[in-house]
Amino acid sequence: MKINDNTRVIDLTVGDFLDVVETRVRRVLSGTTPKDNEKRRYVYGLKGLMNLLGCSKTTASRLKQSGKLDAAITQCGSLIIIDAEKALQLAGSNKNDK
């Protein structure tokens, strides 16, 4: 099935819908030009944060809720987009502050 701007949402599977949303988010985020042509890497959702930091989902959720990573997190509704490098820097700096 070819998906275009005229495709009805009701005709999409959940996977198709998520692919469309991810493609659109990537397109919007790529509109912001990174400094010095560095390529940014993003992870999505608590599962992405969990894999990035090598922690449990509970710990990832607790860390997100604490506000320590707010500068690295963009959230639209339930879609969570995390700048991986910035999150690692913030997590590392908070770890050293203790």
PDB file of N, CA and C in Angstrom:
ATOM      1  N   MET A   1       0.840  -1.177   0.000  1.00  0.00           N
ATOM      2  CA  MET A   1       0.000   0.000   0.000  1.00  0.00           C
ATOM      3  C   MET A   1       0.885   1.240   0.000  1.00  0.00           C
ATOM      4  N   LYS A   2       0.619   2.127  -0.912  1.00  0.00           N
ATOM      5  CA  LYS A   2       1.382   3.366  -0.990  1.00  0.00           C
ATOM      6  C   LYS A   2       0.707   4.409  -0.109  1.00  0.00           C
ATOM      7  N   ILE A   3       1.484   4.981   0.809  1.00  0.00           N
ATOM      8  CA  ILE A   3       0.951   5.966   1.741  1.00  0.00           C
ATOM      9  C   ILE A   3       1.344   7.360   1.256  1.00  0.00           C
ATOM     10  N   ASN A   4       0.346   8.246   1.153  1.00  0.00           N
ATOM     11  CA  ASN A   4       0.618   9.635   0.798  1.00  0.00           C
ATOM     12  C   ASN A   4      -0.231  10.533   1.690  1.00  0.00           C
ATOM     13  N   ASP A   5      -0.205  11.837   1.431  1.00  0.00           N
ATOM     14  CA  ASP A   5      -0.942  12.784   2.274  1.00  0.00           C
ATOM     15  C   ASP A   5      -2.454  12.597   2.206  1.00  0.00           C
ATOM     16  N   ASN A   6      -2.959  11.901   1.205  1.00  0.00           N
ATOM     17  CA  ASN A   6      -4.398  11.692   1.070  1.00  0.00           C
ATOM     18  C   ASN A   6      -4.865  10.371   1.658  1.00  0.00           C
ATOM     19  N   THR A   7      -3.950   9.562   2.197  1.00  0.00           N
ATOM     20  CA  THR A   7      -4.321   8.283   2.800  1.00  0.00           C
ATOM     21  C   THR A   7      -5.049   8.534   4.111  1.00  0.00           C
ATOM     22  N   ARG A   8      -6.165   7.863   4.290  1.00  0.00           N
ATOM     23  CA  ARG A   8      -6.928   8.023   5.519  1.00  0.00           C
ATOM     24  C   ARG A   8      -6.234   7.291   6.665  1.00  0.00           C
ATOM     25  N   VAL A   9      -6.259   7.883   7.853  1.00  0.00           N
ATOM     26  CA  VAL A   9      -5.632   7.269   9.018  1.00  0.00           C
ATOM     27  C   VAL A   9      -6.282   5.927   9.327  1.00  0.00           C
ATOM     28  N   ILE A  10      -7.563   5.812   9.107  1.00  0.00           N
ATOM     29  CA  ILE A  10      -8.282   4.574   9.396  1.00  0.00           C
ATOM     30  C   ILE A  10      -7.791   3.414   8.511  1.00  0.00           C
ATOM     31  N   ASP A  11      -7.181   3.735   7.371  1.00  0.00           N
ATOM     32  CA  ASP A  11      -6.675   2.706   6.461  1.00  0.00           C
ATOM     33  C   ASP A  11      -5.276   2.217   6.836  1.00  0.00           C
ATOM     34  N   LEU A  12      -4.639   2.836   7.824  1.00  0.00           N
ATOM     35  CA  LEU A  12      -3.278   2.475   8.211  1.00  0.00           C
ATOM     36  C   LEU A  12      -3.290   1.449   9.335  1.00  0.00           C
ATOM     37  N   THR A  13      -2.276   0.604   9.344  1.00  0.00           N
ATOM     38  CA  THR A  13      -2.055  -0.264  10.492  1.00  0.00           C
ATOM     39  C   THR A  13      -1.306   0.563  11.531  1.00  0.00           C
ATOM     40  N   VAL A  14      -1.200   0.039  12.728  1.00  0.00           N
ATOM     41  CA  VAL A  14      -0.462   0.748  13.777  1.00  0.00           C
ATOM     42  C   VAL A  14       0.988   0.953  13.338  1.00  0.00           C
ATOM     43  N   GLY A  15       1.588  -0.055  12.744  1.00  0.00           N
ATOM     44  CA  GLY A  15       2.972   0.054  12.271  1.00  0.00           C
ATOM     45  C   GLY A  15       3.125   1.117  11.201  1.00  0.00           C
ATOM     46  N   ASP A  16       2.179   1.148  10.244  1.00  0.00           N
ATOM     47  CA  ASP A  16       2.214   2.172   9.202  1.00  0.00           C
ATOM     48  C   ASP A  16       2.113   3.563   9.807  1.00  0.00           C
ATOM     49  N   PHE A  17       1.201   3.723  10.761  1.00  0.00           N
ATOM     50  CA  PHE A  17       0.993   5.015  11.400  1.00  0.00           C
ATOM     51  C   PHE A  17       2.256   5.466  12.129  1.00  0.00           C
ATOM     52  N   LEU A  18       2.876   4.548  12.885  1.00  0.00           N
ATOM     53  CA  LEU A  18       4.096   4.894  13.613  1.00  0.00           C
ATOM     54  C   LEU A  18       5.229   5.255  12.658  1.00  0.00           C
ATOM     55  N   ASP A  19       5.330   4.558  11.527  1.00  0.00           N
ATOM     56  CA  ASP A  19       6.342   4.892  10.528  1.00  0.00           C
ATOM     57  C   ASP A  19       6.125   6.286   9.965  1.00  0.00           C
ATOM     58  N   VAL A  20       4.872   6.636   9.691  1.00  0.00           N
ATOM     59  CA  VAL A  20       4.553   7.963   9.164  1.00  0.00           C
ATOM     60  C   VAL A  20       4.916   9.042  10.187  1.00  0.00           C
ATOM     61  N   VAL A  21       4.554   8.804  11.452  1.00  0.00           N
ATOM     62  CA  VAL A  21       4.862   9.780  12.506  1.00  0.00           C
ATOM     63  C   VAL A  21       6.364   9.926  12.667  1.00  0.00           C
ATOM     64  N   GLU A  22       7.096   8.822  12.701  1.00  0.00           N
ATOM     65  CA  GLU A  22       8.542   8.884  12.860  1.00  0.00           C
ATOM     66  C   GLU A  22       9.194   9.615  11.692  1.00  0.00           C
ATOM     67  N   THR A  23       8.739   9.338  10.476  1.00  0.00           N
ATOM     68  CA  THR A  23       9.275  10.018   9.300  1.00  0.00           C
ATOM     69  C   THR A  23       9.034  11.513   9.390  1.00  0.00           C
ATOM     70  N   ARG A  24       7.840  11.899   9.787  1.00  0.00           N
ATOM     71  CA  ARG A  24       7.512  13.320   9.901  1.00  0.00           C
ATOM     72  C   ARG A  24       8.342  13.989  10.984  1.00  0.00           C
ATOM     73  N   VAL A  25       8.503  13.334  12.132  1.00  0.00           N
ATOM     74  CA  VAL A  25       9.302  13.893  13.228  1.00  0.00           C
ATOM     75  C   VAL A  25      10.745  14.064  12.788  1.00  0.00           C
ATOM     76  N   ARG A  26      11.290  13.051  12.114  1.00  0.00           N
ATOM     77  CA  ARG A  26      12.672  13.159  11.634  1.00  0.00           C
ATOM     78  C   ARG A  26      12.819  14.315  10.647  1.00  0.00           C
ATOM     79  N   ARG A  27      11.829  14.495   9.766  1.00  0.00           N
ATOM     80  CA  ARG A  27      11.868  15.577   8.783  1.00  0.00           C
ATOM     81  C   ARG A  27      11.844  16.936   9.477  1.00  0.00           C
ATOM     82  N   VAL A  28      10.996  17.069  10.494  1.00  0.00           N
ATOM     83  CA  VAL A  28      10.900  18.332  11.227  1.00  0.00           C
ATOM     84  C   VAL A  28      12.189  18.605  11.997  1.00  0.00           C
ATOM     85  N   LEU A  29      12.713  17.569  12.656  1.00  0.00           N
ATOM     86  CA  LEU A  29      13.933  17.745  13.433  1.00  0.00           C
ATOM     87  C   LEU A  29      15.142  18.015  12.547  1.00  0.00           C
ATOM     88  N   SER A  30      15.159  17.476  11.352  1.00  0.00           N
ATOM     89  CA  SER A  30      16.302  17.717  10.468  1.00  0.00           C
ATOM     90  C   SER A  30      16.293  19.139   9.929  1.00  0.00           C
ATOM     91  N   GLY A  31      15.176  19.850  10.079  1.00  0.00           N
ATOM     92  CA  GLY A  31      15.107  21.251   9.675  1.00  0.00           C
ATOM     93  C   GLY A  31      15.993  22.132  10.538  1.00  0.00           C
ATOM     94  N   THR A  32      16.284  21.688  11.755  1.00  0.00           N
ATOM     95  CA  THR A  32      17.209  22.425  12.613  1.00  0.00           C
ATOM     96  C   THR A  32      18.608  21.949  12.278  1.00  0.00           C
ATOM     97  N   THR A  33      19.471  22.862  11.909  1.00  0.00           N
ATOM     98  CA  THR A  33      20.814  22.471  11.497  1.00  0.00           C
ATOM     99  C   THR A  33      21.731  22.357  12.705  1.00  0.00           C
ATOM    100  N   PRO A  34      22.328  21.208  12.910  1.00  0.00           N
ATOM    101  CA  PRO A  34      23.268  21.035  14.010  1.00  0.00           C
ATOM    102  C   PRO A  34      24.517  21.885  13.810  1.00  0.00           C
ATOM    103  N   LYS A  35      25.137  22.281  14.891  1.00  0.00           N
ATOM    104  CA  LYS A  35      26.352  23.090  14.823  1.00  0.00           C
ATOM    105  C   LYS A  35      27.496  22.295  14.216  1.00  0.00           C
ATOM    106  N   ASP A  36      28.293  22.963  13.418  1.00  0.00           N
ATOM    107  CA  ASP A  36      29.495  22.380  12.816  1.00  0.00           C
ATOM    108  C   ASP A  36      29.213  21.079  12.062  1.00  0.00           C
ATOM    109  N   ASN A  37      28.053  21.000  11.453  1.00  0.00           N
ATOM    110  CA  ASN A  37      27.668  19.830  10.647  1.00  0.00           C
ATOM    111  C   ASN A  37      27.739  18.513  11.401  1.00  0.00           C
ATOM    112  N   GLU A  38      27.655  18.571  12.723  1.00  0.00           N
ATOM    113  CA  GLU A  38      27.652  17.318  13.473  1.00  0.00           C
ATOM    114  C   GLU A  38      26.294  16.656  13.311  1.00  0.00           C
ATOM    115  N   LYS A  39      26.281  15.377  13.240  1.00  0.00           N
ATOM    116  CA  LYS A  39      25.043  14.650  13.053  1.00  0.00           C
ATOM    117  C   LYS A  39      24.506  14.249  14.422  1.00  0.00           C
ATOM    118  N   ARG A  40      23.270  14.599  14.674  1.00  0.00           N
ATOM    119  CA  ARG A  40      22.661  14.279  15.955  1.00  0.00           C
ATOM    120  C   ARG A  40      22.045  12.885  15.906  1.00  0.00           C
ATOM    121  N   ARG A  41      22.070  12.240  17.052  1.00  0.00           N
ATOM    122  CA  ARG A  41      21.470  10.927  17.179  1.00  0.00           C
ATOM    123  C   ARG A  41      20.345  11.028  18.199  1.00  0.00           C
ATOM    124  N   TYR A  42      19.215  10.487  17.863  1.00  0.00           N
ATOM    125  CA  TYR A  42      18.056  10.556  18.741  1.00  0.00           C
ATOM    126  C   TYR A  42      17.616   9.163  19.139  1.00  0.00           C
ATOM    127  N   VAL A  43      17.091   9.061  20.342  1.00  0.00           N
ATOM    128  CA  VAL A  43      16.435   7.840  20.791  1.00  0.00           C
ATOM    129  C   VAL A  43      15.001   8.220  21.137  1.00  0.00           C
ATOM    130  N   TYR A  44      14.111   7.249  21.090  1.00  0.00           N
ATOM    131  CA  TYR A  44      12.696   7.518  21.238  1.00  0.00           C
ATOM    132  C   TYR A  44      12.102   6.739  22.395  1.00  0.00           C
ATOM    133  N   GLY A  45      11.367   7.434  23.234  1.00  0.00           N
ATOM    134  CA  GLY A  45      10.627   6.808  24.314  1.00  0.00           C
ATOM    135  C   GLY A  45      11.490   6.388  25.485  1.00  0.00           C
ATOM    136  N   LEU A  46      10.817   5.865  26.499  1.00  0.00           N
ATOM    137  CA  LEU A  46      11.536   5.386  27.677  1.00  0.00           C
ATOM    138  C   LEU A  46      12.408   4.186  27.333  1.00  0.00           C
ATOM    139  N   LYS A  47      11.956   3.379  26.378  1.00  0.00           N
ATOM    140  CA  LYS A  47      12.751   2.217  25.973  1.00  0.00           C
ATOM    141  C   LYS A  47      14.082   2.673  25.362  1.00  0.00           C
ATOM    142  N   GLY A  48      14.051   3.725  24.553  1.00  0.00           N
ATOM    143  CA  GLY A  48      15.277   4.259  23.975  1.00  0.00           C
ATOM    144  C   GLY A  48      16.204   4.809  25.041  1.00  0.00           C
ATOM    145  N   LEU A  49      15.638   5.534  26.020  1.00  0.00           N
ATOM    146  CA  LEU A  49      16.437   6.077  27.123  1.00  0.00           C
ATOM    147  C   LEU A  49      17.023   4.947  27.952  1.00  0.00           C
ATOM    148  N   MET A  50      16.219   3.912  28.170  1.00  0.00           N
ATOM    149  CA  MET A  50      16.657   2.749  28.927  1.00  0.00           C
ATOM    150  C   MET A  50      17.856   2.078  28.245  1.00  0.00           C
ATOM    151  N   ASN A  51      17.776   1.898  26.924  1.00  0.00           N
ATOM    152  CA  ASN A  51      18.872   1.274  26.182  1.00  0.00           C
ATOM    153  C   ASN A  51      20.099   2.178  26.139  1.00  0.00           C
ATOM    154  N   LEU A  52      19.884   3.480  26.012  1.00  0.00           N
ATOM    155  CA  LEU A  52      20.993   4.437  25.954  1.00  0.00           C
ATOM    156  C   LEU A  52      21.794   4.434  27.244  1.00  0.00           C
ATOM    157  N   LEU A  53      21.100   4.446  28.369  1.00  0.00           N
ATOM    158  CA  LEU A  53      21.769   4.535  29.665  1.00  0.00           C
ATOM    159  C   LEU A  53      22.072   3.180  30.292  1.00  0.00           C
ATOM    160  N   GLY A  54      21.524   2.113  29.712  1.00  0.00           N
ATOM    161  CA  GLY A  54      21.762   0.778  30.260  1.00  0.00           C
ATOM    162  C   GLY A  54      21.134   0.598  31.631  1.00  0.00           C
ATOM    163  N   CYS A  55      19.897   1.075  31.781  1.00  0.00           N
ATOM    164  CA  CYS A  55      19.221   0.977  33.072  1.00  0.00           C
ATOM    165  C   CYS A  55      17.841   0.359  32.867  1.00  0.00           C
ATOM    166  N   SER A  56      17.117   0.193  33.963  1.00  0.00           N
ATOM    167  CA  SER A  56      15.769  -0.379  33.877  1.00  0.00           C
ATOM    168  C   SER A  56      14.779   0.682  33.414  1.00  0.00           C
ATOM    169  N   LYS A  57      13.608   0.228  33.012  1.00  0.00           N
ATOM    170  CA  LYS A  57      12.567   1.158  32.574  1.00  0.00           C
ATOM    171  C   LYS A  57      12.116   2.049  33.736  1.00  0.00           C
ATOM    172  N   THR A  58      12.077   1.492  34.930  1.00  0.00           N
ATOM    173  CA  THR A  58      11.698   2.267  36.115  1.00  0.00           C
ATOM    174  C   THR A  58      12.705   3.382  36.378  1.00  0.00           C
ATOM    175  N   THR A  59      13.993   3.062  36.277  1.00  0.00           N
ATOM    176  CA  THR A  59      15.031   4.065  36.492  1.00  0.00           C
ATOM    177  C   THR A  59      14.994   5.127  35.407  1.00  0.00           C
ATOM    178  N   ALA A  60      14.774   4.718  34.160  1.00  0.00           N
ATOM    179  CA  ALA A  60      14.671   5.676  33.059  1.00  0.00           C
ATOM    180  C   ALA A  60      13.492   6.616  33.285  1.00  0.00           C
ATOM    181  N   SER A  61      12.370   6.082  33.715  1.00  0.00           N
ATOM    182  CA  SER A  61      11.192   6.892  33.996  1.00  0.00           C
ATOM    183  C   SER A  61      11.454   7.857  35.145  1.00  0.00           C
ATOM    184  N   ARG A  62      12.088   7.368  36.185  1.00  0.00           N
ATOM    185  CA  ARG A  62      12.409   8.209  37.342  1.00  0.00           C
ATOM    186  C   ARG A  62      13.360   9.336  36.953  1.00  0.00           C
ATOM    187  N   LEU A  63      14.347   9.030  36.127  1.00  0.00           N
ATOM    188  CA  LEU A  63      15.307  10.038  35.681  1.00  0.00           C
ATOM    189  C   LEU A  63      14.625  11.091  34.815  1.00  0.00           C
ATOM    190  N   LYS A  64      13.738  10.664  33.933  1.00  0.00           N
ATOM    191  CA  LYS A  64      12.998  11.609  33.093  1.00  0.00           C
ATOM    192  C   LYS A  64      12.117  12.514  33.951  1.00  0.00           C
ATOM    193  N   GLN A  65      11.412  11.928  34.907  1.00  0.00           N
ATOM    194  CA  GLN A  65      10.515  12.695  35.776  1.00  0.00           C
ATOM    195  C   GLN A  65      11.273  13.657  36.691  1.00  0.00           C
ATOM    196  N   SER A  66      12.532  13.366  36.983  1.00  0.00           N
ATOM    197  CA  SER A  66      13.305  14.221  37.887  1.00  0.00           C
ATOM    198  C   SER A  66      13.613  15.587  37.283  1.00  0.00           C
ATOM    199  N   GLY A  67      13.584  15.667  35.941  1.00  0.00           N
ATOM    200  CA  GLY A  67      13.872  16.940  35.285  1.00  0.00           C
ATOM    201  C   GLY A  67      15.336  17.141  34.958  1.00  0.00           C
ATOM    202  N   LYS A  68      16.191  16.204  35.324  1.00  0.00           N
ATOM    203  CA  LYS A  68      17.621  16.342  35.080  1.00  0.00           C
ATOM    204  C   LYS A  68      17.967  16.310  33.593  1.00  0.00           C
ATOM    205  N   LEU A  69      17.114  15.665  32.790  1.00  0.00           N
ATOM    206  CA  LEU A  69      17.390  15.540  31.360  1.00  0.00           C
ATOM    207  C   LEU A  69      16.470  16.419  30.509  1.00  0.00           C
ATOM    208  N   ASP A  70      15.779  17.365  31.121  1.00  0.00           N
ATOM    209  CA  ASP A  70      14.804  18.186  30.391  1.00  0.00           C
ATOM    210  C   ASP A  70      15.397  18.882  29.172  1.00  0.00           C
ATOM    211  N   ALA A  71      16.650  19.303  29.243  1.00  0.00           N
ATOM    212  CA  ALA A  71      17.283  19.999  28.118  1.00  0.00           C
ATOM    213  C   ALA A  71      17.491  19.073  26.920  1.00  0.00           C
ATOM    214  N   ALA A  72      17.492  17.773  27.147  1.00  0.00           N
ATOM    215  CA  ALA A  72      17.723  16.804  26.074  1.00  0.00           C
ATOM    216  C   ALA A  72      16.430  16.176  25.563  1.00  0.00           C
ATOM    217  N   ILE A  73      15.309  16.452  26.225  1.00  0.00           N
ATOM    218  CA  ILE A  73      14.056  15.770  25.907  1.00  0.00           C
ATOM    219  C   ILE A  73      13.067  16.726  25.266  1.00  0.00           C
ATOM    220  N   THR A  74      12.468  16.271  24.175  1.00  0.00           N
ATOM    221  CA  THR A  74      11.343  16.957  23.554  1.00  0.00           C
ATOM    222  C   THR A  74      10.179  15.990  23.604  1.00  0.00           C
ATOM    223  N   GLN A  75       9.034  16.485  24.073  1.00  0.00           N
ATOM    224  CA  GLN A  75       7.884  15.599  24.174  1.00  0.00           C
ATOM    225  C   GLN A  75       6.663  16.261  23.564  1.00  0.00           C
ATOM    226  N   CYS A  76       6.020  15.536  22.654  1.00  0.00           N
ATOM    227  CA  CYS A  76       4.753  15.945  22.044  1.00  0.00           C
ATOM    228  C   CYS A  76       3.736  14.875  22.393  1.00  0.00           C
ATOM    229  N   GLY A  77       2.867  15.154  23.338  1.00  0.00           N
ATOM    230  CA  GLY A  77       1.916  14.138  23.779  1.00  0.00           C
ATOM    231  C   GLY A  77       2.658  12.974  24.396  1.00  0.00           C
ATOM    232  N   SER A  78       2.467  11.798  23.839  1.00  0.00           N
ATOM    233  CA  SER A  78       3.153  10.625  24.375  1.00  0.00           C
ATOM    234  C   SER A  78       4.444  10.305  23.619  1.00  0.00           C
ATOM    235  N   LEU A  79       4.750  11.070  22.558  1.00  0.00           N
ATOM    236  CA  LEU A  79       5.973  10.850  21.792  1.00  0.00           C
ATOM    237  C   LEU A  79       7.134  11.544  22.483  1.00  0.00           C
ATOM    238  N   ILE A  80       8.134  10.777  22.876  1.00  0.00           N
ATOM    239  CA  ILE A  80       9.306  11.297  23.574  1.00  0.00           C
ATOM    240  C   ILE A  80      10.511  11.162  22.654  1.00  0.00           C
ATOM    241  N   ILE A  81      11.180  12.296  22.389  1.00  0.00           N
ATOM    242  CA  ILE A  81      12.365  12.314  21.538  1.00  0.00           C
ATOM    243  C   ILE A  81      13.525  12.819  22.388  1.00  0.00           C
ATOM    244  N   ILE A  82      14.609  12.065  22.414  1.00  0.00           N
ATOM    245  CA  ILE A  82      15.733  12.387  23.286  1.00  0.00           C
ATOM    246  C   ILE A  82      17.006  12.533  22.464  1.00  0.00           C
ATOM    247  N   ASP A  83      17.686  13.674  22.616  1.00  0.00           N
ATOM    248  CA  ASP A  83      18.992  13.895  21.998  1.00  0.00           C
ATOM    249  C   ASP A  83      19.995  13.057  22.801  1.00  0.00           C
ATOM    250  N   ALA A  84      20.505  12.006  22.198  1.00  0.00           N
ATOM    251  CA  ALA A  84      21.321  11.017  22.910  1.00  0.00           C
ATOM    252  C   ALA A  84      22.586  11.622  23.505  1.00  0.00           C
ATOM    253  N   GLU A  85      23.321  12.406  22.724  1.00  0.00           N
ATOM    254  CA  GLU A  85      24.575  12.977  23.221  1.00  0.00           C
ATOM    255  C   GLU A  85      24.337  13.928  24.387  1.00  0.00           C
ATOM    256  N   LYS A  86      23.327  14.776  24.246  1.00  0.00           N
ATOM    257  CA  LYS A  86      23.014  15.733  25.307  1.00  0.00           C
ATOM    258  C   LYS A  86      22.564  15.002  26.573  1.00  0.00           C
ATOM    259  N   ALA A  87      21.771  13.947  26.405  1.00  0.00           N
ATOM    260  CA  ALA A  87      21.306  13.172  27.555  1.00  0.00           C
ATOM    261  C   ALA A  87      22.473  12.515  28.277  1.00  0.00           C
ATOM    262  N   LEU A  88      23.417  11.972  27.519  1.00  0.00           N
ATOM    263  CA  LEU A  88      24.595  11.353  28.138  1.00  0.00           C
ATOM    264  C   LEU A  88      25.429  12.385  28.880  1.00  0.00           C
ATOM    265  N   GLN A  89      25.571  13.583  28.303  1.00  0.00           N
ATOM    266  CA  GLN A  89      26.333  14.651  28.982  1.00  0.00           C
ATOM    267  C   GLN A  89      25.638  15.056  30.274  1.00  0.00           C
ATOM    268  N   LEU A  90      24.331  15.247  30.216  1.00  0.00           N
ATOM    269  CA  LEU A  90      23.584  15.658  31.407  1.00  0.00           C
ATOM    270  C   LEU A  90      23.599  14.574  32.471  1.00  0.00           C
ATOM    271  N   ALA A  91      23.438  13.327  32.063  1.00  0.00           N
ATOM    272  CA  ALA A  91      23.460  12.218  33.007  1.00  0.00           C
ATOM    273  C   ALA A  91      24.836  12.099  33.663  1.00  0.00           C
ATOM    274  N   GLY A  92      25.893  12.298  32.869  1.00  0.00           N
ATOM    275  CA  GLY A  92      27.249  12.235  33.391  1.00  0.00           C
ATOM    276  C   GLY A  92      27.548  13.372  34.335  1.00  0.00           C
ATOM    277  N   SER A  93      27.083  14.583  34.014  1.00  0.00           N
ATOM    278  CA  SER A  93      27.350  15.721  34.877  1.00  0.00           C
ATOM    279  C   SER A  93      26.577  15.603  36.184  1.00  0.00           C
ATOM    280  N   ASN A  94      25.353  15.070  36.125  1.00  0.00           N
ATOM    281  CA  ASN A  94      24.584  14.878  37.346  1.00  0.00           C
ATOM    282  C   ASN A  94      25.186  13.786  38.220  1.00  0.00           C
ATOM    283  N   LYS A  95      25.762  12.777  37.595  1.00  0.00           N
ATOM    284  CA  LYS A  95      26.393  11.693  38.330  1.00  0.00           C
ATOM    285  C   LYS A  95      27.599  12.216  39.097  1.00  0.00           C
ATOM    286  N   ASN A  96      28.366  13.129  38.480  1.00  0.00           N
ATOM    287  CA  ASN A  96      29.563  13.680  39.117  1.00  0.00           C
ATOM    288  C   ASN A  96      29.233  14.690  40.196  1.00  0.00           C
ATOM    289  N   ASP A  97      28.013  15.257  40.179  1.00  0.00           N
ATOM    290  CA  ASP A  97      27.628  16.247  41.171  1.00  0.00           C
ATOM    291  C   ASP A  97      27.373  15.646  42.547  1.00  0.00           C
ATOM    292  N   LYS A  98      27.128  14.340  42.611  1.00  0.00           N
ATOM    293  CA  LYS A  98      26.771  13.695  43.894  1.00  0.00           C
ATOM    294  C   LYS A  98      27.917  13.606  44.829  1.00  0.00           C
TER     295      LYS A  98
END
